[in-house]
């Protein structure tokens, strides 16, 4: 074996070992950064504002600092000394100046410093609390009312059902079971080519009544994004039930067939043609 080939083999082996860990870490870092930038920062700013409103009386501030605050808020006072002095006598101006000074001080820790993780933790806790509330009878009734309002709102009703279907499919096992009852193999797009599909129904009623046979509605997902695909109606006897869970089938599709749980069961279940049987 040449040095180049050996180096290539070692490199690919190392890449195969490291890449899953690197991608996993990258996904978690990306998720954390997204939440920090889009959600946590606003929570932290709200916390800073509340703390500043409550604790501003403890802040000592000079007349010079209040004057600087006034000139920033109302630049026109720089040319009107009398009006500036009148504003300096107002207690609410001093209070607002103390609030702004405290907010700037707190922002260095709570927004731009290590305290910024507080917003992330509160966001996670908030989602958990919301989930617990919506899991109750009252919460479910309240949420159904909100969904009903959205479904009756123009434009929103054209988008919300599809977004909800995707998020429910990704995040709830119950929705997966409701949408996809089981995994089957079907000959698609032509005879001799077997595709993995999800059973979503019992076929079109008119077709079933006309043909007088048992049909299945099957979604043939595309790889690597199984949320799109082709819907076919096929006779039940032309499908093969696979000993595969929904999650295993999704991994098979997303990985492009690299991850093949129960592959030996599939191979054993597939019918053989006459030439193979003779051999």
C-alpha atoms as a PDB file:
ATOM      1  CA  UNK A   1       0.000   0.000   0.000  1.00  0.00           C
ATOM      2  CA  UNK A   2       1.408   3.382  -1.033  1.00  0.00           C
ATOM      3  CA  UNK A   3       1.947   6.198   1.461  1.00  0.00           C
ATOM      4  CA  UNK A   4      -0.657   8.359  -0.312  1.00  0.00           C
ATOM      5  CA  UNK A   5      -3.334   5.675  -0.157  1.00  0.00           C
ATOM      6  CA  UNK A   6      -2.556   4.937   3.476  1.00  0.00           C
ATOM      7  CA  UNK A   7      -2.711   8.642   4.348  1.00  0.00           C
ATOM      8  CA  UNK A   8      -6.056   8.933   2.534  1.00  0.00           C
ATOM      9  CA  UNK A   9      -7.430   5.948   4.436  1.00  0.00           C
ATOM     10  CA  UNK A  10      -6.316   7.322   7.792  1.00  0.00           C
ATOM     11  CA  UNK A  11      -7.730  10.737   6.959  1.00  0.00           C
ATOM     12  CA  UNK A  12     -11.139   9.388   5.908  1.00  0.00           C
ATOM     13  CA  UNK A  13     -11.269   7.145   8.973  1.00  0.00           C
ATOM     14  CA  UNK A  14     -10.489  10.070  11.265  1.00  0.00           C
ATOM     15  CA  UNK A  15     -13.044  12.223   9.469  1.00  0.00           C
ATOM     16  CA  UNK A  16     -15.697   9.526   9.865  1.00  0.00           C
ATOM     17  CA  UNK A  17     -14.976   9.363  13.603  1.00  0.00           C
ATOM     18  CA  UNK A  18     -14.859  13.129  14.225  1.00  0.00           C
ATOM     19  CA  UNK A  19     -17.548  14.431  11.861  1.00  0.00           C
ATOM     20  CA  UNK A  20     -20.625  13.177  13.793  1.00  0.00           C
ATOM     21  CA  UNK A  21     -19.322  14.721  17.031  1.00  0.00           C
ATOM     22  CA  UNK A  22     -18.380  17.981  15.310  1.00  0.00           C
ATOM     23  CA  UNK A  23     -21.774  18.271  13.604  1.00  0.00           C
ATOM     24  CA  UNK A  24     -23.589  17.488  16.859  1.00  0.00           C
ATOM     25  CA  UNK A  25     -21.639  20.151  18.749  1.00  0.00           C
ATOM     26  CA  UNK A  26     -22.164  22.625  15.902  1.00  0.00           C
ATOM     27  CA  UNK A  27     -25.933  22.062  15.972  1.00  0.00           C
ATOM     28  CA  UNK A  28     -26.090  22.654  19.734  1.00  0.00           C
ATOM     29  CA  UNK A  29     -23.901  25.771  19.458  1.00  0.00           C
ATOM     30  CA  UNK A  30     -26.027  27.083  16.583  1.00  0.00           C
ATOM     31  CA  UNK A  31     -29.216  26.475  18.564  1.00  0.00           C
ATOM     32  CA  UNK A  32     -27.812  28.170  21.665  1.00  0.00           C
ATOM     33  CA  UNK A  33     -26.570  31.159  19.631  1.00  0.00           C
ATOM     34  CA  UNK A  34     -29.905  31.498  17.840  1.00  0.00           C
ATOM     35  CA  UNK A  35     -31.841  31.504  21.127  1.00  0.00           C
ATOM     36  CA  UNK A  36     -29.387  33.941  22.698  1.00  0.00           C
ATOM     37  CA  UNK A  37     -29.558  36.411  19.803  1.00  0.00           C
ATOM     38  CA  UNK A  38     -33.280  36.169  19.023  1.00  0.00           C
ATOM     39  CA  UNK A  39     -34.905  35.456  22.396  1.00  0.00           C
ATOM     40  CA  UNK A  40     -32.572  35.638  25.414  1.00  0.00           C
ATOM     41  CA  UNK A  41     -31.298  39.146  24.675  1.00  0.00           C
ATOM     42  CA  UNK A  42     -34.849  40.533  24.901  1.00  0.00           C
ATOM     43  CA  UNK A  43     -35.488  38.668  28.153  1.00  0.00           C
ATOM     44  CA  UNK A  44     -32.251  40.062  29.603  1.00  0.00           C
ATOM     45  CA  UNK A  45     -33.156  43.585  28.535  1.00  0.00           C
ATOM     46  CA  UNK A  46     -36.514  43.192  30.238  1.00  0.00           C
ATOM     47  CA  UNK A  47     -34.800  41.994  33.427  1.00  0.00           C
ATOM     48  CA  UNK A  48     -32.384  44.910  33.334  1.00  0.00           C
ATOM     49  CA  UNK A  49     -35.255  47.365  32.875  1.00  0.00           C
ATOM     50  CA  UNK A  50     -37.244  45.881  35.772  1.00  0.00           C
ATOM     51  CA  UNK A  51     -34.228  45.853  38.112  1.00  0.00           C
ATOM     52  CA  UNK A  52     -33.395  49.445  37.167  1.00  0.00           C
ATOM     53  CA  UNK A  53     -36.958  50.582  37.885  1.00  0.00           C
ATOM     54  CA  UNK A  54     -37.011  48.850  41.272  1.00  0.00           C
ATOM     55  CA  UNK A  55     -33.486  49.599  42.505  1.00  0.00           C
ATOM     56  CA  UNK A  56     -32.789  53.037  41.011  1.00  0.00           C
ATOM     57  CA  UNK A  57     -33.232  54.785  44.382  1.00  0.00           C
ATOM     58  CA  UNK A  58     -30.012  53.130  45.558  1.00  0.00           C
ATOM     59  CA  UNK A  59     -27.990  54.779  42.774  1.00  0.00           C
ATOM     60  CA  UNK A  60     -26.077  57.964  43.515  1.00  0.00           C
ATOM     61  CA  UNK A  61     -25.939  60.405  40.630  1.00  0.00           C
ATOM     62  CA  UNK A  62     -24.473  63.889  40.267  1.00  0.00           C
ATOM     63  CA  UNK A  63     -26.058  66.969  38.756  1.00  0.00           C
ATOM     64  CA  UNK A  64     -23.476  66.819  35.981  1.00  0.00           C
ATOM     65  CA  UNK A  65     -24.598  63.326  35.012  1.00  0.00           C
ATOM     66  CA  UNK A  66     -28.258  64.358  35.086  1.00  0.00           C
ATOM     67  CA  UNK A  67     -27.435  67.336  32.883  1.00  0.00           C
ATOM     68  CA  UNK A  68     -25.660  65.071  30.411  1.00  0.00           C
ATOM     69  CA  UNK A  69     -28.706  62.765  30.377  1.00  0.00           C
ATOM     70  CA  UNK A  70     -31.028  65.725  29.726  1.00  0.00           C
ATOM     71  CA  UNK A  71     -28.912  67.005  26.846  1.00  0.00           C
ATOM     72  CA  UNK A  72     -28.959  63.568  25.253  1.00  0.00           C
ATOM     73  CA  UNK A  73     -32.728  63.236  25.603  1.00  0.00           C
ATOM     74  CA  UNK A  74     -33.476  66.872  24.705  1.00  0.00           C
ATOM     75  CA  UNK A  75     -30.628  68.409  22.673  1.00  0.00           C
ATOM     76  CA  UNK A  76     -32.584  71.661  22.258  1.00  0.00           C
ATOM     77  CA  UNK A  77     -31.937  72.489  25.950  1.00  0.00           C
ATOM     78  CA  UNK A  78     -28.263  73.128  25.216  1.00  0.00           C
ATOM     79  CA  UNK A  79     -29.189  76.591  23.949  1.00  0.00           C
ATOM     80  CA  UNK A  80     -31.691  77.352  26.727  1.00  0.00           C
ATOM     81  CA  UNK A  81     -30.020  77.491  30.142  1.00  0.00           C
ATOM     82  CA  UNK A  82     -33.186  78.641  31.920  1.00  0.00           C
ATOM     83  CA  UNK A  83     -35.280  75.768  30.624  1.00  0.00           C
ATOM     84  CA  UNK A  84     -32.451  73.352  31.468  1.00  0.00           C
ATOM     85  CA  UNK A  85     -32.428  74.517  35.085  1.00  0.00           C
ATOM     86  CA  UNK A  86     -36.200  74.100  35.296  1.00  0.00           C
ATOM     87  CA  UNK A  87     -35.903  70.493  34.103  1.00  0.00           C
ATOM     88  CA  UNK A  88     -33.140  69.840  36.645  1.00  0.00           C
ATOM     89  CA  UNK A  89     -35.577  70.677  39.423  1.00  0.00           C
ATOM     90  CA  UNK A  90     -38.027  67.969  38.399  1.00  0.00           C
ATOM     91  CA  UNK A  91     -37.754  64.744  40.493  1.00  0.00           C
ATOM     92  CA  UNK A  92     -38.838  62.485  37.615  1.00  0.00           C
ATOM     93  CA  UNK A  93     -35.857  63.694  35.558  1.00  0.00           C
ATOM     94  CA  UNK A  94     -33.463  62.580  38.277  1.00  0.00           C
ATOM     95  CA  UNK A  95     -35.305  59.287  38.577  1.00  0.00           C
ATOM     96  CA  UNK A  96     -35.106  58.641  34.828  1.00  0.00           C
ATOM     97  CA  UNK A  97     -31.421  59.550  34.820  1.00  0.00           C
ATOM     98  CA  UNK A  98     -30.737  57.075  37.662  1.00  0.00           C
ATOM     99  CA  UNK A  99     -32.673  54.385  35.786  1.00  0.00           C
ATOM    100  CA  UNK A 100     -30.656  54.930  32.590  1.00  0.00           C
ATOM    101  CA  UNK A 101     -27.349  54.924  34.459  1.00  0.00           C
ATOM    102  CA  UNK A 102     -28.247  51.698  36.274  1.00  0.00           C
ATOM    103  CA  UNK A 103     -29.391  50.078  33.029  1.00  0.00           C
ATOM    104  CA  UNK A 104     -26.040  50.846  31.406  1.00  0.00           C
ATOM    105  CA  UNK A 105     -24.207  49.372  34.378  1.00  0.00           C
ATOM    106  CA  UNK A 106     -26.342  46.218  34.495  1.00  0.00           C
ATOM    107  CA  UNK A 107     -26.153  45.733  30.722  1.00  0.00           C
ATOM    108  CA  UNK A 108     -22.404  45.131  30.952  1.00  0.00           C
ATOM    109  CA  UNK A 109     -23.100  41.962  32.974  1.00  0.00           C
ATOM    110  CA  UNK A 110     -26.626  40.885  32.081  1.00  0.00           C
ATOM    111  CA  UNK A 111     -26.594  41.551  28.332  1.00  0.00           C
ATOM    112  CA  UNK A 112     -22.972  41.718  27.179  1.00  0.00           C
ATOM    113  CA  UNK A 113     -21.384  39.705  30.002  1.00  0.00           C
ATOM    114  CA  UNK A 114     -21.649  36.257  31.604  1.00  0.00           C
ATOM    115  CA  UNK A 115     -25.107  37.036  32.975  1.00  0.00           C
ATOM    116  CA  UNK A 116     -26.534  36.793  29.464  1.00  0.00           C
ATOM    117  CA  UNK A 117     -27.068  33.048  29.996  1.00  0.00           C
ATOM    118  CA  UNK A 118     -29.865  33.980  32.427  1.00  0.00           C
ATOM    119  CA  UNK A 119     -32.157  34.782  29.517  1.00  0.00           C
ATOM    120  CA  UNK A 120     -31.447  31.392  27.949  1.00  0.00           C
ATOM    121  CA  UNK A 121     -32.252  29.564  31.204  1.00  0.00           C
ATOM    122  CA  UNK A 122     -35.436  31.579  31.705  1.00  0.00           C
ATOM    123  CA  UNK A 123     -36.496  30.882  28.101  1.00  0.00           C
ATOM    124  CA  UNK A 124     -36.095  27.111  28.643  1.00  0.00           C
ATOM    125  CA  UNK A 125     -37.959  27.275  31.968  1.00  0.00           C
ATOM    126  CA  UNK A 126     -40.681  29.392  30.370  1.00  0.00           C
ATOM    127  CA  UNK A 127     -41.217  26.860  27.575  1.00  0.00           C
ATOM    128  CA  UNK A 128     -41.441  24.033  30.140  1.00  0.00           C
ATOM    129  CA  UNK A 129     -43.953  25.969  32.244  1.00  0.00           C
ATOM    130  CA  UNK A 130     -45.999  26.795  29.140  1.00  0.00           C
ATOM    131  CA  UNK A 131     -45.980  23.136  28.118  1.00  0.00           C
ATOM    132  CA  UNK A 132     -47.148  22.106  31.585  1.00  0.00           C
ATOM    133  CA  UNK A 133     -49.962  24.666  31.529  1.00  0.00           C
ATOM    134  CA  UNK A 134     -51.129  23.682  28.047  1.00  0.00           C
ATOM    135  CA  UNK A 135     -51.110  20.012  29.060  1.00  0.00           C
ATOM    136  CA  UNK A 136     -53.918  20.701  31.552  1.00  0.00           C
ATOM    137  CA  UNK A 137     -57.594  20.719  30.608  1.00  0.00           C
ATOM    138  CA  UNK A 138     -57.885  24.494  31.032  1.00  0.00           C
ATOM    139  CA  UNK A 139     -54.700  25.072  29.040  1.00  0.00           C
ATOM    140  CA  UNK A 140     -55.878  22.869  26.177  1.00  0.00           C
ATOM    141  CA  UNK A 141     -59.229  24.651  26.060  1.00  0.00           C
ATOM    142  CA  UNK A 142     -57.534  28.042  26.067  1.00  0.00           C
ATOM    143  CA  UNK A 143     -55.125  27.000  23.297  1.00  0.00           C
ATOM    144  CA  UNK A 144     -57.968  25.587  21.190  1.00  0.00           C
ATOM    145  CA  UNK A 145     -59.642  28.990  21.448  1.00  0.00           C
ATOM    146  CA  UNK A 146     -56.466  30.687  20.218  1.00  0.00           C
ATOM    147  CA  UNK A 147     -56.113  28.206  17.353  1.00  0.00           C
ATOM    148  CA  UNK A 148     -59.750  28.747  16.398  1.00  0.00           C
ATOM    149  CA  UNK A 149     -59.136  32.502  16.293  1.00  0.00           C
ATOM    150  CA  UNK A 150     -56.055  32.015  14.097  1.00  0.00           C
ATOM    151  CA  UNK A 151     -57.954  29.691  11.761  1.00  0.00           C
ATOM    152  CA  UNK A 152     -60.622  32.373  11.319  1.00  0.00           C
ATOM    153  CA  UNK A 153     -58.076  35.098  10.589  1.00  0.00           C
ATOM    154  CA  UNK A 154     -57.367  35.827   6.898  1.00  0.00           C
ATOM    155  CA  UNK A 155     -53.833  35.033   5.684  1.00  0.00           C
ATOM    156  CA  UNK A 156     -52.904  33.338   8.981  1.00  0.00           C
ATOM    157  CA  UNK A 157     -55.271  30.445   8.298  1.00  0.00           C
ATOM    158  CA  UNK A 158     -53.491  29.828   4.986  1.00  0.00           C
ATOM    159  CA  UNK A 159     -50.140  29.270   6.714  1.00  0.00           C
ATOM    160  CA  UNK A 160     -50.736  28.182  10.317  1.00  0.00           C
ATOM    161  CA  UNK A 161     -52.162  24.651   9.678  1.00  0.00           C
ATOM    162  CA  UNK A 162     -49.168  23.590   7.580  1.00  0.00           C
ATOM    163  CA  UNK A 163     -46.589  25.045   9.960  1.00  0.00           C
ATOM    164  CA  UNK A 164     -48.361  23.358  12.878  1.00  0.00           C
ATOM    165  CA  UNK A 165     -48.411  20.027  11.068  1.00  0.00           C
ATOM    166  CA  UNK A 166     -44.646  20.146  10.489  1.00  0.00           C
ATOM    167  CA  UNK A 167     -43.796  21.234  14.047  1.00  0.00           C
ATOM    168  CA  UNK A 168     -46.144  18.647  15.567  1.00  0.00           C
ATOM    169  CA  UNK A 169     -44.571  15.968  13.408  1.00  0.00           C
ATOM    170  CA  UNK A 170     -41.071  16.976  14.517  1.00  0.00           C
ATOM    171  CA  UNK A 171     -41.795  17.427  18.215  1.00  0.00           C
ATOM    172  CA  UNK A 172     -44.597  15.061  19.233  1.00  0.00           C
ATOM    173  CA  UNK A 173     -44.647  11.291  18.948  1.00  0.00           C
ATOM    174  CA  UNK A 174     -48.450  11.298  19.066  1.00  0.00           C
ATOM    175  CA  UNK A 175     -48.608  13.302  15.853  1.00  0.00           C
ATOM    176  CA  UNK A 176     -46.233  10.875  14.139  1.00  0.00           C
ATOM    177  CA  UNK A 177     -48.461   7.973  15.121  1.00  0.00           C
ATOM    178  CA  UNK A 178     -51.536   9.832  13.907  1.00  0.00           C
ATOM    179  CA  UNK A 179     -50.037  10.757  10.547  1.00  0.00           C
ATOM    180  CA  UNK A 180     -48.047   7.591   9.851  1.00  0.00           C
ATOM    181  CA  UNK A 181     -49.541   4.391  11.193  1.00  0.00           C
ATOM    182  CA  UNK A 182     -46.792   2.080   9.921  1.00  0.00           C
ATOM    183  CA  UNK A 183     -43.899   1.693   7.497  1.00  0.00           C
ATOM    184  CA  UNK A 184     -44.215  -0.336   4.310  1.00  0.00           C
ATOM    185  CA  UNK A 185     -42.214  -1.141   1.185  1.00  0.00           C
ATOM    186  CA  UNK A 186     -43.880  -0.569  -2.185  1.00  0.00           C
ATOM    187  CA  UNK A 187     -42.766  -1.000  -5.766  1.00  0.00           C
ATOM    188  CA  UNK A 188     -42.373   2.622  -6.795  1.00  0.00           C
ATOM    189  CA  UNK A 189     -41.769   4.437  -9.167  1.00  0.00           C
ATOM    190  CA  UNK A 190     -41.798   1.256 -11.290  1.00  0.00           C
ATOM    191  CA  UNK A 191     -41.945  -2.483 -10.845  1.00  0.00           C
ATOM    192  CA  UNK A 192     -38.673  -3.875  -9.494  1.00  0.00           C
ATOM    193  CA  UNK A 193     -37.734  -0.724  -7.561  1.00  0.00           C
ATOM    194  CA  UNK A 194     -38.757  -0.808  -3.898  1.00  0.00           C
ATOM    195  CA  UNK A 195     -39.310   2.378  -1.902  1.00  0.00           C
ATOM    196  CA  UNK A 196     -39.985   2.977   1.778  1.00  0.00           C
ATOM    197  CA  UNK A 197     -43.320   4.611   2.468  1.00  0.00           C
ATOM    198  CA  UNK A 198     -45.579   5.662   5.356  1.00  0.00           C
ATOM    199  CA  UNK A 199     -49.179   4.463   5.500  1.00  0.00           C
ATOM    200  CA  UNK A 200     -51.369   7.535   5.970  1.00  0.00           C
ATOM    201  CA  UNK A 201     -54.811   6.168   5.232  1.00  0.00           C
ATOM    202  CA  UNK A 202     -57.001   3.423   3.778  1.00  0.00           C
ATOM    203  CA  UNK A 203     -57.227   4.768   0.245  1.00  0.00           C
ATOM    204  CA  UNK A 204     -59.769   6.911  -1.580  1.00  0.00           C
ATOM    205  CA  UNK A 205     -63.288   5.828  -0.728  1.00  0.00           C
ATOM    206  CA  UNK A 206     -64.529   5.992  -4.325  1.00  0.00           C
ATOM    207  CA  UNK A 207     -61.637   3.871  -5.594  1.00  0.00           C
ATOM    208  CA  UNK A 208     -62.123   1.296  -2.832  1.00  0.00           C
ATOM    209  CA  UNK A 209     -65.861   1.028  -3.547  1.00  0.00           C
ATOM    210  CA  UNK A 210     -65.310   0.742  -7.301  1.00  0.00           C
ATOM    211  CA  UNK A 211     -62.528  -1.854  -7.264  1.00  0.00           C
ATOM    212  CA  UNK A 212     -63.880  -3.755  -4.235  1.00  0.00           C
ATOM    213  CA  UNK A 213     -60.378  -4.362  -2.887  1.00  0.00           C
ATOM    214  CA  UNK A 214     -58.443  -3.179   0.118  1.00  0.00           C
ATOM    215  CA  UNK A 215     -56.260  -0.149  -0.579  1.00  0.00           C
ATOM    216  CA  UNK A 216     -53.739   1.911   1.338  1.00  0.00           C
ATOM    217  CA  UNK A 217     -52.729   5.533   0.972  1.00  0.00           C
ATOM    218  CA  UNK A 218     -48.937   5.698   1.171  1.00  0.00           C
ATOM    219  CA  UNK A 219     -46.625   8.698   1.340  1.00  0.00           C
ATOM    220  CA  UNK A 220     -43.342   8.059  -0.456  1.00  0.00           C
ATOM    221  CA  UNK A 221     -40.964  10.607   1.133  1.00  0.00           C
ATOM    222  CA  UNK A 222     -37.993  12.106  -0.667  1.00  0.00           C
ATOM    223  CA  UNK A 223     -34.430  12.013   0.631  1.00  0.00           C
ATOM    224  CA  UNK A 224     -32.903  13.739   2.541  1.00  0.00           C
ATOM    225  CA  UNK A 225     -35.989  15.837   3.428  1.00  0.00           C
ATOM    226  CA  UNK A 226     -38.802  13.384   4.280  1.00  0.00           C
ATOM    227  CA  UNK A 227     -41.372  16.163   4.716  1.00  0.00           C
ATOM    228  CA  UNK A 228     -42.015  16.242   0.981  1.00  0.00           C
ATOM    229  CA  UNK A 229     -42.786  13.346  -1.336  1.00  0.00           C
ATOM    230  CA  UNK A 230     -45.422  11.603  -3.417  1.00  0.00           C
ATOM    231  CA  UNK A 231     -48.789  10.251  -2.278  1.00  0.00           C
ATOM    232  CA  UNK A 232     -49.981   7.044  -3.945  1.00  0.00           C
ATOM    233  CA  UNK A 233     -52.982   4.758  -3.513  1.00  0.00           C
ATOM    234  CA  UNK A 234     -52.001   1.105  -3.798  1.00  0.00           C
ATOM    235  CA  UNK A 235     -53.555  -2.286  -3.097  1.00  0.00           C
ATOM    236  CA  UNK A 236     -52.663  -3.560   0.354  1.00  0.00           C
ATOM    237  CA  UNK A 237     -51.491  -6.914  -1.008  1.00  0.00           C
ATOM    238  CA  UNK A 238     -48.871  -5.096  -3.098  1.00  0.00           C
ATOM    239  CA  UNK A 239     -47.186  -3.652  -0.002  1.00  0.00           C
ATOM    240  CA  UNK A 240     -44.815  -5.268   2.485  1.00  0.00           C
ATOM    241  CA  UNK A 241     -45.019  -4.348   6.159  1.00  0.00           C
ATOM    242  CA  UNK A 242     -41.538  -3.510   7.434  1.00  0.00           C
ATOM    243  CA  UNK A 243     -40.379  -4.267  10.956  1.00  0.00           C
ATOM    244  CA  UNK A 244     -39.252  -0.670  11.298  1.00  0.00           C
ATOM    245  CA  UNK A 245     -40.386   2.183  13.526  1.00  0.00           C
ATOM    246  CA  UNK A 246     -41.222   5.640  12.185  1.00  0.00           C
ATOM    247  CA  UNK A 247     -37.990   7.037  13.630  1.00  0.00           C
ATOM    248  CA  UNK A 248     -35.884   4.273  12.058  1.00  0.00           C
ATOM    249  CA  UNK A 249     -37.523   4.892   8.684  1.00  0.00           C
ATOM    250  CA  UNK A 250     -36.860   8.620   8.967  1.00  0.00           C
ATOM    251  CA  UNK A 251     -33.194   7.968   9.781  1.00  0.00           C
ATOM    252  CA  UNK A 252     -32.995   5.641   6.779  1.00  0.00           C
ATOM    253  CA  UNK A 253     -34.415   8.329   4.486  1.00  0.00           C
ATOM    254  CA  UNK A 254     -32.476  11.289   5.888  1.00  0.00           C
ATOM    255  CA  UNK A 255     -29.183   9.372   5.759  1.00  0.00           C
ATOM    256  CA  UNK A 256     -29.773   8.401   2.141  1.00  0.00           C
ATOM    257  CA  UNK A 257     -29.912   4.715   3.046  1.00  0.00           C
ATOM    258  CA  UNK A 258     -26.665   4.683   5.020  1.00  0.00           C
ATOM    259  CA  UNK A 259     -28.488   3.792   8.237  1.00  0.00           C
ATOM    260  CA  UNK A 260     -30.523   0.662   7.472  1.00  0.00           C
ATOM    261  CA  UNK A 261     -32.141  -0.831  10.572  1.00  0.00           C
ATOM    262  CA  UNK A 262     -33.708  -4.229   9.970  1.00  0.00           C
ATOM    263  CA  UNK A 263     -32.175  -4.546   6.509  1.00  0.00           C
ATOM    264  CA  UNK A 264     -31.997  -8.315   6.822  1.00  0.00           C
ATOM    265  CA  UNK A 265     -35.772  -8.470   7.442  1.00  0.00           C
ATOM    266  CA  UNK A 266     -36.445  -6.397   4.341  1.00  0.00           C
ATOM    267  CA  UNK A 267     -34.246  -8.603   2.177  1.00  0.00           C
ATOM    268  CA  UNK A 268     -35.952 -11.745   3.452  1.00  0.00           C
ATOM    269  CA  UNK A 269     -39.428 -10.334   2.888  1.00  0.00           C
ATOM    270  CA  UNK A 270     -38.912  -9.151  -0.693  1.00  0.00           C
ATOM    271  CA  UNK A 271     -40.284 -11.609  -3.320  1.00  0.00           C
ATOM    272  CA  UNK A 272     -37.816 -13.288  -5.639  1.00  0.00           C
ATOM    273  CA  UNK A 273     -38.283 -13.558  -9.358  1.00  0.00           C
ATOM    274  CA  UNK A 274     -38.413 -16.904 -11.149  1.00  0.00           C
ATOM    275  CA  UNK A 275     -34.811 -16.774 -12.392  1.00  0.00           C
ATOM    276  CA  UNK A 276     -33.508 -16.305  -8.827  1.00  0.00           C
ATOM    277  CA  UNK A 277     -35.655 -19.170  -7.537  1.00  0.00           C
ATOM    278  CA  UNK A 278     -34.313 -21.522 -10.226  1.00  0.00           C
ATOM    279  CA  UNK A 279     -30.773 -20.699  -9.209  1.00  0.00           C
END
